Amino acid sequence: MWIDIGDAFLALHNADHKTISHGDLLCPIMLVTKRVLFYGRVQGINFRSNTLSKALELNVKGWVMNRIDGSVEAYFSGELCDVMSLINYCVSDMPYAVVKRYDVYDIPYMEFPDFRIKR
């Protein structure tokens, strides 16, 4: 299930959380892990390598891999703002990709040593 980034931040923000500014939004400082499945034209267009580059830029850890059904699966771990920015990049700003559908799953936080492409 996808939650609009603005709604997600508003729903998660309360006075008990420390926040950081992310554009016009306040973002709770919290570590999250998201499992994301991307469907559409997402293989054969450098989707995984572009995701790796953006993840390194945003300091998001985890992995990304092609699936046999033509989709791409990813685990993104890091600060909520950074993870949501990476998902937004993959869906809206990825060169040559046409993401027709994506599913986002909240899972318990997992630590990864880095971000990598799984084969």
PDB file of N, CA and C in Angstrom:
ATOM      1  N   MET A   1       0.847  -1.177   0.000  1.00  0.00           N
ATOM      2  CA  MET A   1       0.000   0.000   0.000  1.00  0.00           C
ATOM      3  C   MET A   1       0.890   1.237   0.000  1.00  0.00           C
ATOM      4  N   TRP A   2       0.536   2.223  -0.805  1.00  0.00           N
ATOM      5  CA  TRP A   2       1.294   3.460  -0.899  1.00  0.00           C
ATOM      6  C   TRP A   2       0.563   4.563  -0.171  1.00  0.00           C
ATOM      7  N   ILE A   3       1.305   5.355   0.577  1.00  0.00           N
ATOM      8  CA  ILE A   3       0.764   6.532   1.244  1.00  0.00           C
ATOM      9  C   ILE A   3       1.453   7.739   0.631  1.00  0.00           C
ATOM     10  N   ASP A   4       0.683   8.725   0.235  1.00  0.00           N
ATOM     11  CA  ASP A   4       1.259   9.943  -0.302  1.00  0.00           C
ATOM     12  C   ASP A   4       2.278  10.489   0.682  1.00  0.00           C
ATOM     13  N   ILE A   5       3.425  10.941   0.160  1.00  0.00           N
ATOM     14  CA  ILE A   5       4.523  11.359   1.036  1.00  0.00           C
ATOM     15  C   ILE A   5       4.092  12.451   2.013  1.00  0.00           C
ATOM     16  N   GLY A   6       3.274  13.399   1.567  1.00  0.00           N
ATOM     17  CA  GLY A   6       2.803  14.448   2.473  1.00  0.00           C
ATOM     18  C   GLY A   6       1.939  13.886   3.586  1.00  0.00           C
ATOM     19  N   ASP A   7       1.006  13.001   3.231  1.00  0.00           N
ATOM     20  CA  ASP A   7       0.142  12.378   4.230  1.00  0.00           C
ATOM     21  C   ASP A   7       0.932  11.515   5.196  1.00  0.00           C
ATOM     22  N   ALA A   8       1.948  10.824   4.684  1.00  0.00           N
ATOM     23  CA  ALA A   8       2.755   9.952   5.548  1.00  0.00           C
ATOM     24  C   ALA A   8       3.455  10.775   6.615  1.00  0.00           C
ATOM     25  N   PHE A   9       4.039  11.906   6.214  1.00  0.00           N
ATOM     26  CA  PHE A   9       4.736  12.726   7.179  1.00  0.00           C
ATOM     27  C   PHE A   9       3.786  13.333   8.202  1.00  0.00           C
ATOM     28  N   LEU A  10       2.635  13.782   7.730  1.00  0.00           N
ATOM     29  CA  LEU A  10       1.666  14.374   8.655  1.00  0.00           C
ATOM     30  C   LEU A  10       1.135  13.334   9.634  1.00  0.00           C
ATOM     31  N   ALA A  11       0.875  12.125   9.143  1.00  0.00           N
ATOM     32  CA  ALA A  11       0.342  11.079  10.007  1.00  0.00           C
ATOM     33  C   ALA A  11       1.355  10.638  11.051  1.00  0.00           C
ATOM     34  N   LEU A  12       2.635  10.699  10.701  1.00  0.00           N
ATOM     35  CA  LEU A  12       3.654  10.202  11.621  1.00  0.00           C
ATOM     36  C   LEU A  12       4.191  11.277  12.559  1.00  0.00           C
ATOM     37  N   HIS A  13       3.950  12.533  12.238  1.00  0.00           N
ATOM     38  CA  HIS A  13       4.504  13.613  13.040  1.00  0.00           C
ATOM     39  C   HIS A  13       3.646  13.877  14.280  1.00  0.00           C
ATOM     40  N   ASN A  14       4.310  13.940  15.408  1.00  0.00           N
ATOM     41  CA  ASN A  14       3.643  14.440  16.609  1.00  0.00           C
ATOM     42  C   ASN A  14       4.693  15.094  17.486  1.00  0.00           C
ATOM     43  N   ALA A  15       4.307  15.705  18.547  1.00  0.00           N
ATOM     44  CA  ALA A  15       5.216  16.498  19.380  1.00  0.00           C
ATOM     45  C   ALA A  15       6.310  15.659  20.036  1.00  0.00           C
ATOM     46  N   ASP A  16       6.122  14.348  20.154  1.00  0.00           N
ATOM     47  CA  ASP A  16       7.117  13.499  20.798  1.00  0.00           C
ATOM     48  C   ASP A  16       8.277  13.149  19.874  1.00  0.00           C
ATOM     49  N   HIS A  17       8.120  13.334  18.573  1.00  0.00           N
ATOM     50  CA  HIS A  17       9.175  12.982  17.628  1.00  0.00           C
ATOM     51  C   HIS A  17      10.046  14.195  17.347  1.00  0.00           C
ATOM     52  N   LYS A  18      11.358  13.977  17.271  1.00  0.00           N
ATOM     53  CA  LYS A  18      12.237  15.004  16.746  1.00  0.00           C
ATOM     54  C   LYS A  18      12.020  15.020  15.250  1.00  0.00           C
ATOM     55  N   THR A  19      12.153  16.185  14.645  1.00  0.00           N
ATOM     56  CA  THR A  19      11.899  16.283  13.216  1.00  0.00           C
ATOM     57  C   THR A  19      13.044  16.992  12.511  1.00  0.00           C
ATOM     58  N   ILE A  20      13.133  16.743  11.212  1.00  0.00           N
ATOM     59  CA  ILE A  20      14.043  17.481  10.360  1.00  0.00           C
ATOM     60  C   ILE A  20      13.228  18.054   9.221  1.00  0.00           C
ATOM     61  N   SER A  21      13.704  19.121   8.635  1.00  0.00           N
ATOM     62  CA  SER A  21      13.004  19.729   7.512  1.00  0.00           C
ATOM     63  C   SER A  21      13.363  18.985   6.238  1.00  0.00           C
ATOM     64  N   HIS A  22      12.362  18.732   5.405  1.00  0.00           N
ATOM     65  CA  HIS A  22      12.566  18.077   4.116  1.00  0.00           C
ATOM     66  C   HIS A  22      11.702  18.832   3.119  1.00  0.00           C
ATOM     67  N   GLY A  23      12.292  19.843   2.493  1.00  0.00           N
ATOM     68  CA  GLY A  23      11.505  20.726   1.635  1.00  0.00           C
ATOM     69  C   GLY A  23      10.539  21.508   2.500  1.00  0.00           C
ATOM     70  N   ASP A  24       9.267  21.472   2.163  1.00  0.00           N
ATOM     71  CA  ASP A  24       8.246  22.174   2.927  1.00  0.00           C
ATOM     72  C   ASP A  24       7.657  21.307   4.035  1.00  0.00           C
ATOM     73  N   LEU A  25       8.159  20.086   4.176  1.00  0.00           N
ATOM     74  CA  LEU A  25       7.585  19.149   5.134  1.00  0.00           C
ATOM     75  C   LEU A  25       8.487  18.968   6.338  1.00  0.00           C
ATOM     76  N   LEU A  26       7.889  18.646   7.464  1.00  0.00           N
ATOM     77  CA  LEU A  26       8.656  18.209   8.615  1.00  0.00           C
ATOM     78  C   LEU A  26       8.651  16.694   8.599  1.00  0.00           C
ATOM     79  N   CYS A  27       9.798  16.131   8.813  1.00  0.00           N
ATOM     80  CA  CYS A  27       9.933  14.683   8.713  1.00  0.00           C
ATOM     81  C   CYS A  27      10.384  14.124  10.056  1.00  0.00           C
ATOM     82  N   PRO A  28       9.667  13.135  10.585  1.00  0.00           N
ATOM     83  CA  PRO A  28      10.119  12.524  11.828  1.00  0.00           C
ATOM     84  C   PRO A  28      11.470  11.855  11.623  1.00  0.00           C
ATOM     85  N   ILE A  29      12.342  11.995  12.594  1.00  0.00           N
ATOM     86  CA  ILE A  29      13.618  11.296  12.548  1.00  0.00           C
ATOM     87  C   ILE A  29      13.361   9.892  13.062  1.00  0.00           C
ATOM     88  N   MET A  30      13.238   8.969  12.124  1.00  0.00           N
ATOM     89  CA  MET A  30      13.002   7.582  12.496  1.00  0.00           C
ATOM     90  C   MET A  30      13.541   6.679  11.406  1.00  0.00           C
ATOM     91  N   LEU A  31      14.065   5.535  11.820  1.00  0.00           N
ATOM     92  CA  LEU A  31      14.589   4.559  10.881  1.00  0.00           C
ATOM     93  C   LEU A  31      13.485   3.608  10.457  1.00  0.00           C
ATOM     94  N   VAL A  32      13.406   3.350   9.149  1.00  0.00           N
ATOM     95  CA  VAL A  32      12.378   2.473   8.604  1.00  0.00           C
ATOM     96  C   VAL A  32      12.994   1.536   7.574  1.00  0.00           C
ATOM     97  N   THR A  33      12.290   0.452   7.306  1.00  0.00           N
ATOM     98  CA  THR A  33      12.610  -0.428   6.187  1.00  0.00           C
ATOM     99  C   THR A  33      11.332  -0.636   5.395  1.00  0.00           C
ATOM    100  N   LYS A  34      11.453  -0.518   4.088  1.00  0.00           N
ATOM    101  CA  LYS A  34      10.322  -0.731   3.181  1.00  0.00           C
ATOM    102  C   LYS A  34      10.721  -1.786   2.157  1.00  0.00           C
ATOM    103  N   ARG A  35       9.813  -2.721   1.928  1.00  0.00           N
ATOM    104  CA  ARG A  35       9.950  -3.661   0.813  1.00  0.00           C
ATOM    105  C   ARG A  35       9.082  -3.101  -0.307  1.00  0.00           C
ATOM    106  N   VAL A  36       9.676  -2.933  -1.489  1.00  0.00           N
ATOM    107  CA  VAL A  36       8.957  -2.318  -2.591  1.00  0.00           C
ATOM    108  C   VAL A  36       9.054  -3.209  -3.829  1.00  0.00           C
ATOM    109  N   LEU A  37       7.912  -3.400  -4.481  1.00  0.00           N
ATOM    110  CA  LEU A  37       7.851  -4.114  -5.753  1.00  0.00           C
ATOM    111  C   LEU A  37       7.434  -3.120  -6.827  1.00  0.00           C
ATOM    112  N   PHE A  38       8.218  -3.031  -7.890  1.00  0.00           N
ATOM    113  CA  PHE A  38       7.955  -2.119  -8.997  1.00  0.00           C
ATOM    114  C   PHE A  38       7.560  -2.932 -10.226  1.00  0.00           C
ATOM    115  N   TYR A  39       6.473  -2.531 -10.889  1.00  0.00           N
ATOM    116  CA  TYR A  39       5.970  -3.215 -12.077  1.00  0.00           C
ATOM    117  C   TYR A  39       5.885  -2.240 -13.234  1.00  0.00           C
ATOM    118  N   GLY A  40       6.090  -2.736 -14.442  1.00  0.00           N
ATOM    119  CA  GLY A  40       6.033  -1.915 -15.642  1.00  0.00           C
ATOM    120  C   GLY A  40       7.306  -2.118 -16.441  1.00  0.00           C
ATOM    121  N   ARG A  41       7.757  -1.058 -17.106  1.00  0.00           N
ATOM    122  CA  ARG A  41       9.036  -1.137 -17.821  1.00  0.00           C
ATOM    123  C   ARG A  41      10.145  -0.785 -16.821  1.00  0.00           C
ATOM    124  N   VAL A  42      10.634  -1.808 -16.126  1.00  0.00           N
ATOM    125  CA  VAL A  42      11.605  -1.596 -15.058  1.00  0.00           C
ATOM    126  C   VAL A  42      12.845  -2.488 -15.192  1.00  0.00           C
ATOM    127  N   GLN A  43      12.887  -3.315 -16.219  1.00  0.00           N
ATOM    128  CA  GLN A  43      14.073  -4.133 -16.464  1.00  0.00           C
ATOM    129  C   GLN A  43      14.672  -3.770 -17.816  1.00  0.00           C
ATOM    130  N   GLY A  44      16.003  -3.874 -17.902  1.00  0.00           N
ATOM    131  CA  GLY A  44      16.693  -3.578 -19.151  1.00  0.00           C
ATOM    132  C   GLY A  44      16.889  -2.104 -19.423  1.00  0.00           C
ATOM    133  N   ILE A  45      16.720  -1.258 -18.411  1.00  0.00           N
ATOM    134  CA  ILE A  45      16.824   0.206 -18.589  1.00  0.00           C
ATOM    135  C   ILE A  45      17.711   0.840 -17.519  1.00  0.00           C
ATOM    136  N   ASN A  46      18.537   0.040 -16.859  1.00  0.00           N
ATOM    137  CA  ASN A  46      19.426   0.511 -15.780  1.00  0.00           C
ATOM    138  C   ASN A  46      18.678   0.914 -14.517  1.00  0.00           C
ATOM    139  N   PHE A  47      17.509   0.358 -14.304  1.00  0.00           N
ATOM    140  CA  PHE A  47      16.723   0.662 -13.104  1.00  0.00           C
ATOM    141  C   PHE A  47      17.521   0.352 -11.842  1.00  0.00           C
ATOM    142  N   ARG A  48      18.149  -0.816 -11.804  1.00  0.00           N
ATOM    143  CA  ARG A  48      18.889  -1.206 -10.596  1.00  0.00           C
ATOM    144  C   ARG A  48      20.115  -0.332 -10.372  1.00  0.00           C
ATOM    145  N   SER A  49      20.877  -0.038 -11.432  1.00  0.00           N
ATOM    146  CA  SER A  49      22.076   0.784 -11.240  1.00  0.00           C
ATOM    147  C   SER A  49      21.710   2.225 -10.890  1.00  0.00           C
ATOM    148  N   ASN A  50      20.637   2.747 -11.473  1.00  0.00           N
ATOM    149  CA  ASN A  50      20.189   4.093 -11.099  1.00  0.00           C
ATOM    150  C   ASN A  50      19.678   4.125  -9.657  1.00  0.00           C
ATOM    151  N   THR A  51      19.006   3.057  -9.247  1.00  0.00           N
ATOM    152  CA  THR A  51      18.545   2.972  -7.856  1.00  0.00           C
ATOM    153  C   THR A  51      19.737   2.938  -6.912  1.00  0.00           C
ATOM    154  N   LEU A  52      20.760   2.172  -7.261  1.00  0.00           N
ATOM    155  CA  LEU A  52      21.983   2.114  -6.454  1.00  0.00           C
ATOM    156  C   LEU A  52      22.606   3.498  -6.313  1.00  0.00           C
ATOM    157  N   SER A  53      22.754   4.215  -7.412  1.00  0.00           N
ATOM    158  CA  SER A  53      23.363   5.552  -7.363  1.00  0.00           C
ATOM    159  C   SER A  53      22.570   6.500  -6.475  1.00  0.00           C
ATOM    160  N   LYS A  54      21.246   6.487  -6.618  1.00  0.00           N
ATOM    161  CA  LYS A  54      20.405   7.380  -5.808  1.00  0.00           C
ATOM    162  C   LYS A  54      20.428   6.964  -4.342  1.00  0.00           C
ATOM    163  N   ALA A  55      20.434   5.649  -4.074  1.00  0.00           N
ATOM    164  CA  ALA A  55      20.493   5.174  -2.691  1.00  0.00           C
ATOM    165  C   ALA A  55      21.791   5.628  -2.021  1.00  0.00           C
ATOM    166  N   LEU A  56      22.901   5.559  -2.739  1.00  0.00           N
ATOM    167  CA  LEU A  56      24.178   6.015  -2.180  1.00  0.00           C
ATOM    168  C   LEU A  56      24.135   7.510  -1.890  1.00  0.00           C
ATOM    169  N   GLU A  57      23.522   8.272  -2.787  1.00  0.00           N
ATOM    170  CA  GLU A  57      23.373   9.723  -2.597  1.00  0.00           C
ATOM    171  C   GLU A  57      22.545  10.043  -1.357  1.00  0.00           C
ATOM    172  N   LEU A  58      21.498   9.241  -1.121  1.00  0.00           N
ATOM    173  CA  LEU A  58      20.577   9.485   0.000  1.00  0.00           C
ATOM    174  C   LEU A  58      20.967   8.750   1.281  1.00  0.00           C
ATOM    175  N   ASN A  59      22.033   7.969   1.231  1.00  0.00           N
ATOM    176  CA  ASN A  59      22.478   7.174   2.383  1.00  0.00           C
ATOM    177  C   ASN A  59      21.427   6.138   2.800  1.00  0.00           C
ATOM    178  N   VAL A  60      20.775   5.538   1.824  1.00  0.00           N
ATOM    179  CA  VAL A  60      19.823   4.458   2.075  1.00  0.00           C
ATOM    180  C   VAL A  60      20.549   3.139   1.858  1.00  0.00           C
ATOM    181  N   LYS A  61      20.329   2.188   2.733  1.00  0.00           N
ATOM    182  CA  LYS A  61      20.955   0.870   2.658  1.00  0.00           C
ATOM    183  C   LYS A  61      19.924  -0.152   2.199  1.00  0.00           C
ATOM    184  N   GLY A  62      20.388  -1.312   1.734  1.00  0.00           N
ATOM    185  CA  GLY A  62      19.494  -2.383   1.334  1.00  0.00           C
ATOM    186  C   GLY A  62      19.948  -3.027   0.053  1.00  0.00           C
ATOM    187  N   TRP A  63      18.985  -3.382  -0.783  1.00  0.00           N
ATOM    188  CA  TRP A  63      19.309  -4.027  -2.055  1.00  0.00           C
ATOM    189  C   TRP A  63      18.173  -3.884  -3.047  1.00  0.00           C
ATOM    190  N   VAL A  64      18.502  -4.170  -4.320  1.00  0.00           N
ATOM    191  CA  VAL A  64      17.531  -4.147  -5.402  1.00  0.00           C
ATOM    192  C   VAL A  64      17.856  -5.311  -6.331  1.00  0.00           C
ATOM    193  N   MET A  65      16.806  -5.958  -6.874  1.00  0.00           N
ATOM    194  CA  MET A  65      17.050  -7.076  -7.797  1.00  0.00           C
ATOM    195  C   MET A  65      15.895  -7.241  -8.776  1.00  0.00           C
ATOM    196  N   ASN A  66      16.241  -7.775  -9.963  1.00  0.00           N
ATOM    197  CA  ASN A  66      15.230  -8.155 -10.943  1.00  0.00           C
ATOM    198  C   ASN A  66      14.563  -9.443 -10.494  1.00  0.00           C
ATOM    199  N   ARG A  67      13.272  -9.537 -10.782  1.00  0.00           N
ATOM    200  CA  ARG A  67      12.534 -10.763 -10.492  1.00  0.00           C
ATOM    201  C   ARG A  67      12.181 -11.445 -11.811  1.00  0.00           C
ATOM    202  N   ILE A  68      11.983 -12.728 -11.740  1.00  0.00           N
ATOM    203  CA  ILE A  68      11.712 -13.520 -12.939  1.00  0.00           C
ATOM    204  C   ILE A  68      10.439 -13.087 -13.655  1.00  0.00           C
ATOM    205  N   ASP A  69       9.492 -12.487 -12.939  1.00  0.00           N
ATOM    206  CA  ASP A  69       8.223 -12.066 -13.559  1.00  0.00           C
ATOM    207  C   ASP A  69       8.321 -10.710 -14.277  1.00  0.00           C
ATOM    208  N   GLY A  70       9.521 -10.115 -14.329  1.00  0.00           N
ATOM    209  CA  GLY A  70       9.714  -8.838 -15.007  1.00  0.00           C
ATOM    210  C   GLY A  70       9.643  -7.628 -14.098  1.00  0.00           C
ATOM    211  N   SER A  71       9.316  -7.843 -12.839  1.00  0.00           N
ATOM    212  CA  SER A  71       9.267  -6.741 -11.876  1.00  0.00           C
ATOM    213  C   SER A  71      10.642  -6.567 -11.219  1.00  0.00           C
ATOM    214  N   VAL A  72      10.738  -5.550 -10.391  1.00  0.00           N
ATOM    215  CA  VAL A  72      11.944  -5.300  -9.600  1.00  0.00           C
ATOM    216  C   VAL A  72      11.532  -5.243  -8.139  1.00  0.00           C
ATOM    217  N   GLU A  73      12.316  -5.911  -7.287  1.00  0.00           N
ATOM    218  CA  GLU A  73      12.076  -5.913  -5.842  1.00  0.00           C
ATOM    219  C   GLU A  73      13.210  -5.166  -5.158  1.00  0.00           C
ATOM    220  N   ALA A  74      12.881  -4.415  -4.125  1.00  0.00           N
ATOM    221  CA  ALA A  74      13.902  -3.674  -3.385  1.00  0.00           C
ATOM    222  C   ALA A  74      13.566  -3.633  -1.906  1.00  0.00           C
ATOM    223  N   TYR A  75      14.600  -3.606  -1.097  1.00  0.00           N
ATOM    224  CA  TYR A  75      14.498  -3.340   0.331  1.00  0.00           C
ATOM    225  C   TYR A  75      15.268  -2.056   0.574  1.00  0.00           C
ATOM    226  N   PHE A  76      14.602  -1.056   1.145  1.00  0.00           N
ATOM    227  CA  PHE A  76      15.205   0.232   1.433  1.00  0.00           C
ATOM    228  C   PHE A  76      15.175   0.466   2.939  1.00  0.00           C
ATOM    229  N   SER A  77      16.332   0.723   3.544  1.00  0.00           N
ATOM    230  CA  SER A  77      16.420   1.010   4.981  1.00  0.00           C
ATOM    231  C   SER A  77      17.161   2.310   5.202  1.00  0.00           C
ATOM    232  N   GLY A  78      16.618   3.124   6.109  1.00  0.00           N
ATOM    233  CA  GLY A  78      17.265   4.387   6.447  1.00  0.00           C
ATOM    234  C   GLY A  78      16.276   5.332   7.085  1.00  0.00           C
ATOM    235  N   GLU A  79      16.648   6.610   7.086  1.00  0.00           N
ATOM    236  CA  GLU A  79      15.759   7.646   7.606  1.00  0.00           C
ATOM    237  C   GLU A  79      14.509   7.710   6.737  1.00  0.00           C
ATOM    238  N   LEU A  80      13.368   7.898   7.352  1.00  0.00           N
ATOM    239  CA  LEU A  80      12.094   7.915   6.644  1.00  0.00           C
ATOM    240  C   LEU A  80      12.118   8.844   5.435  1.00  0.00           C
ATOM    241  N   CYS A  81      12.592  10.074   5.595  1.00  0.00           N
ATOM    242  CA  CYS A  81      12.625  11.042   4.488  1.00  0.00           C
ATOM    243  C   CYS A  81      13.431  10.507   3.312  1.00  0.00           C
ATOM    244  N   ASP A  82      14.563   9.906   3.611  1.00  0.00           N
ATOM    245  CA  ASP A  82      15.446   9.409   2.558  1.00  0.00           C
ATOM    246  C   ASP A  82      14.832   8.217   1.832  1.00  0.00           C
ATOM    247  N   VAL A  83      14.235   7.313   2.580  1.00  0.00           N
ATOM    248  CA  VAL A  83      13.591   6.145   1.980  1.00  0.00           C
ATOM    249  C   VAL A  83      12.424   6.583   1.092  1.00  0.00           C
ATOM    250  N   MET A  84      11.612   7.500   1.580  1.00  0.00           N
ATOM    251  CA  MET A  84      10.477   7.978   0.790  1.00  0.00           C
ATOM    252  C   MET A  84      10.957   8.732  -0.456  1.00  0.00           C
ATOM    253  N   SER A  85      12.046   9.468  -0.335  1.00  0.00           N
ATOM    254  CA  SER A  85      12.608  10.166  -1.496  1.00  0.00           C
ATOM    255  C   SER A  85      13.108   9.169  -2.535  1.00  0.00           C
ATOM    256  N   LEU A  86      13.721   8.078  -2.093  1.00  0.00           N
ATOM    257  CA  LEU A  86      14.201   7.063  -3.020  1.00  0.00           C
ATOM    258  C   LEU A  86      13.037   6.377  -3.736  1.00  0.00           C
ATOM    259  N   ILE A  87      11.994   6.063  -3.003  1.00  0.00           N
ATOM    260  CA  ILE A  87      10.811   5.463  -3.635  1.00  0.00           C
ATOM    261  C   ILE A  87      10.235   6.427  -4.669  1.00  0.00           C
ATOM    262  N   ASN A  88      10.113   7.691  -4.311  1.00  0.00           N
ATOM    263  CA  ASN A  88       9.586   8.694  -5.242  1.00  0.00           C
ATOM    264  C   ASN A  88      10.457   8.788  -6.494  1.00  0.00           C
ATOM    265  N   TYR A  89      11.766   8.768  -6.321  1.00  0.00           N
ATOM    266  CA  TYR A  89      12.680   8.798  -7.470  1.00  0.00           C
ATOM    267  C   TYR A  89      12.422   7.601  -8.389  1.00  0.00           C
ATOM    268  N   CYS A  90      12.331   6.414  -7.807  1.00  0.00           N
ATOM    269  CA  CYS A  90      12.133   5.197  -8.601  1.00  0.00           C
ATOM    270  C   CYS A  90      10.818   5.237  -9.378  1.00  0.00           C
ATOM    271  N   VAL A  91       9.804   5.815  -8.778  1.00  0.00           N
ATOM    272  CA  VAL A  91       8.474   5.842  -9.398  1.00  0.00           C
ATOM    273  C   VAL A  91       8.335   6.988 -10.401  1.00  0.00           C
ATOM    274  N   SER A  92       8.858   8.150 -10.075  1.00  0.00           N
ATOM    275  CA  SER A  92       8.565   9.353 -10.862  1.00  0.00           C
ATOM    276  C   SER A  92       9.731   9.900 -11.676  1.00  0.00           C
ATOM    277  N   ASP A  93      10.957   9.697 -11.231  1.00  0.00           N
ATOM    278  CA  ASP A  93      12.097  10.370 -11.857  1.00  0.00           C
ATOM    279  C   ASP A  93      13.123   9.438 -12.483  1.00  0.00           C
ATOM    280  N   MET A  94      12.884   8.159 -12.463  1.00  0.00           N
ATOM    281  CA  MET A  94      13.834   7.184 -13.013  1.00  0.00           C
ATOM    282  C   MET A  94      13.895   7.306 -14.537  1.00  0.00           C
ATOM    283  N   PRO A  95      15.086   7.556 -15.089  1.00  0.00           N
ATOM    284  CA  PRO A  95      15.194   7.664 -16.545  1.00  0.00           C
ATOM    285  C   PRO A  95      14.733   6.374 -17.245  1.00  0.00           C
ATOM    286  N   TYR A  96      13.940   6.532 -18.272  1.00  0.00           N
ATOM    287  CA  TYR A  96      13.464   5.455 -19.151  1.00  0.00           C
ATOM    288  C   TYR A  96      12.485   4.477 -18.510  1.00  0.00           C
ATOM    289  N   ALA A  97      12.262   4.548 -17.230  1.00  0.00           N
ATOM    290  CA  ALA A  97      11.330   3.631 -16.571  1.00  0.00           C
ATOM    291  C   ALA A  97       9.899   4.109 -16.753  1.00  0.00           C
ATOM    292  N   VAL A  98       9.008   3.144 -16.822  1.00  0.00           N
ATOM    293  CA  VAL A  98       7.577   3.429 -16.799  1.00  0.00           C
ATOM    294  C   VAL A  98       7.003   2.512 -15.723  1.00  0.00           C
ATOM    295  N   VAL A  99       6.872   3.061 -14.522  1.00  0.00           N
ATOM    296  CA  VAL A  99       6.337   2.284 -13.405  1.00  0.00           C
ATOM    297  C   VAL A  99       4.823   2.370 -13.468  1.00  0.00           C
ATOM    298  N   LYS A 100       4.198   1.258 -13.768  1.00  0.00           N
ATOM    299  CA  LYS A 100       2.737   1.211 -13.886  1.00  0.00           C
ATOM    300  C   LYS A 100       2.075   0.921 -12.549  1.00  0.00           C
ATOM    301  N   ARG A 101       2.795   0.241 -11.691  1.00  0.00           N
ATOM    302  CA  ARG A 101       2.275  -0.090 -10.368  1.00  0.00           C
ATOM    303  C   ARG A 101       3.461  -0.328  -9.447  1.00  0.00           C
ATOM    304  N   TYR A 102       3.282   0.014  -8.182  1.00  0.00           N
ATOM    305  CA  TYR A 102       4.289  -0.315  -7.190  1.00  0.00           C
ATOM    306  C   TYR A 102       3.592  -0.576  -5.869  1.00  0.00           C
ATOM    307  N   ASP A 103       4.109  -1.542  -5.156  1.00  0.00           N
ATOM    308  CA  ASP A 103       3.562  -1.917  -3.858  1.00  0.00           C
ATOM    309  C   ASP A 103       4.624  -1.678  -2.802  1.00  0.00           C
ATOM    310  N   VAL A 104       4.246  -0.992  -1.742  1.00  0.00           N
ATOM    311  CA  VAL A 104       5.166  -0.675  -0.653  1.00  0.00           C
ATOM    312  C   VAL A 104       4.685  -1.381   0.607  1.00  0.00           C
ATOM    313  N   TYR A 105       5.576  -2.122   1.237  1.00  0.00           N
ATOM    314  CA  TYR A 105       5.256  -2.862   2.454  1.00  0.00           C
ATOM    315  C   TYR A 105       6.120  -2.359   3.598  1.00  0.00           C
ATOM    316  N   ASP A 106       5.479  -2.001   4.698  1.00  0.00           N
ATOM    317  CA  ASP A 106       6.216  -1.663   5.916  1.00  0.00           C
ATOM    318  C   ASP A 106       6.648  -2.967   6.564  1.00  0.00           C
ATOM    319  N   ILE A 107       7.919  -3.083   6.845  1.00  0.00           N
ATOM    320  CA  ILE A 107       8.423  -4.265   7.542  1.00  0.00           C
ATOM    321  C   ILE A 107       9.270  -3.793   8.709  1.00  0.00           C
ATOM    322  N   PRO A 108       9.537  -4.667   9.687  1.00  0.00           N
ATOM    323  CA  PRO A 108      10.381  -4.249  10.802  1.00  0.00           C
ATOM    324  C   PRO A 108      11.740  -3.756  10.298  1.00  0.00           C
ATOM    325  N   TYR A 109      12.287  -2.769  10.984  1.00  0.00           N
ATOM    326  CA  TYR A 109      13.561  -2.175  10.577  1.00  0.00           C
ATOM    327  C   TYR A 109      14.651  -3.237  10.503  1.00  0.00           C
ATOM    328  N   MET A 110      15.398  -3.197   9.408  1.00  0.00           N
ATOM    329  CA  MET A 110      16.523  -4.099   9.195  1.00  0.00           C
ATOM    330  C   MET A 110      17.760  -3.268   8.892  1.00  0.00           C
ATOM    331  N   GLU A 111      18.889  -3.671   9.439  1.00  0.00           N
ATOM    332  CA  GLU A 111      20.145  -2.987   9.137  1.00  0.00           C
ATOM    333  C   GLU A 111      20.868  -3.725   8.022  1.00  0.00           C
ATOM    334  N   PHE A 112      21.359  -2.980   7.054  1.00  0.00           N
ATOM    335  CA  PHE A 112      22.155  -3.509   5.956  1.00  0.00           C
ATOM    336  C   PHE A 112      23.504  -2.800   5.980  1.00  0.00           C
ATOM    337  N   PRO A 113      24.579  -3.485   5.593  1.00  0.00           N
ATOM    338  CA  PRO A 113      25.898  -2.828   5.627  1.00  0.00           C
ATOM    339  C   PRO A 113      26.072  -1.787   4.537  1.00  0.00           C
ATOM    340  N   ASP A 114      25.308  -1.903   3.444  1.00  0.00           N
ATOM    341  CA  ASP A 114      25.461  -1.007   2.309  1.00  0.00           C
ATOM    342  C   ASP A 114      24.231  -1.150   1.417  1.00  0.00           C
ATOM    343  N   PHE A 115      24.318  -0.599   0.230  1.00  0.00           N
ATOM    344  CA  PHE A 115      23.270  -0.823  -0.759  1.00  0.00           C
ATOM    345  C   PHE A 115      23.909  -1.568  -1.915  1.00  0.00           C
ATOM    346  N   ARG A 116      23.235  -2.621  -2.393  1.00  0.00           N
ATOM    347  CA  ARG A 116      23.821  -3.424  -3.467  1.00  0.00           C
ATOM    348  C   ARG A 116      22.757  -3.919  -4.425  1.00  0.00           C
ATOM    349  N   ILE A 117      23.250  -4.309  -5.580  1.00  0.00           N
ATOM    350  CA  ILE A 117      22.408  -4.956  -6.580  1.00  0.00           C
ATOM    351  C   ILE A 117      22.548  -6.453  -6.388  1.00  0.00           C
ATOM    352  N   LYS A 118      21.427  -7.124  -6.154  1.00  0.00           N
ATOM    353  CA  LYS A 118      21.423  -8.581  -6.060  1.00  0.00           C
ATOM    354  C   LYS A 118      21.209  -9.152  -7.448  1.00  0.00           C
ATOM    355  N   ARG A 119      21.859 -10.248  -7.720  1.00  0.00           N
ATOM    356  CA  ARG A 119      21.709 -10.912  -9.027  1.00  0.00           C
ATOM    357  C   ARG A 119      21.123 -12.283  -8.862  1.00  0.00           C
TER     358      ARG A 119
END
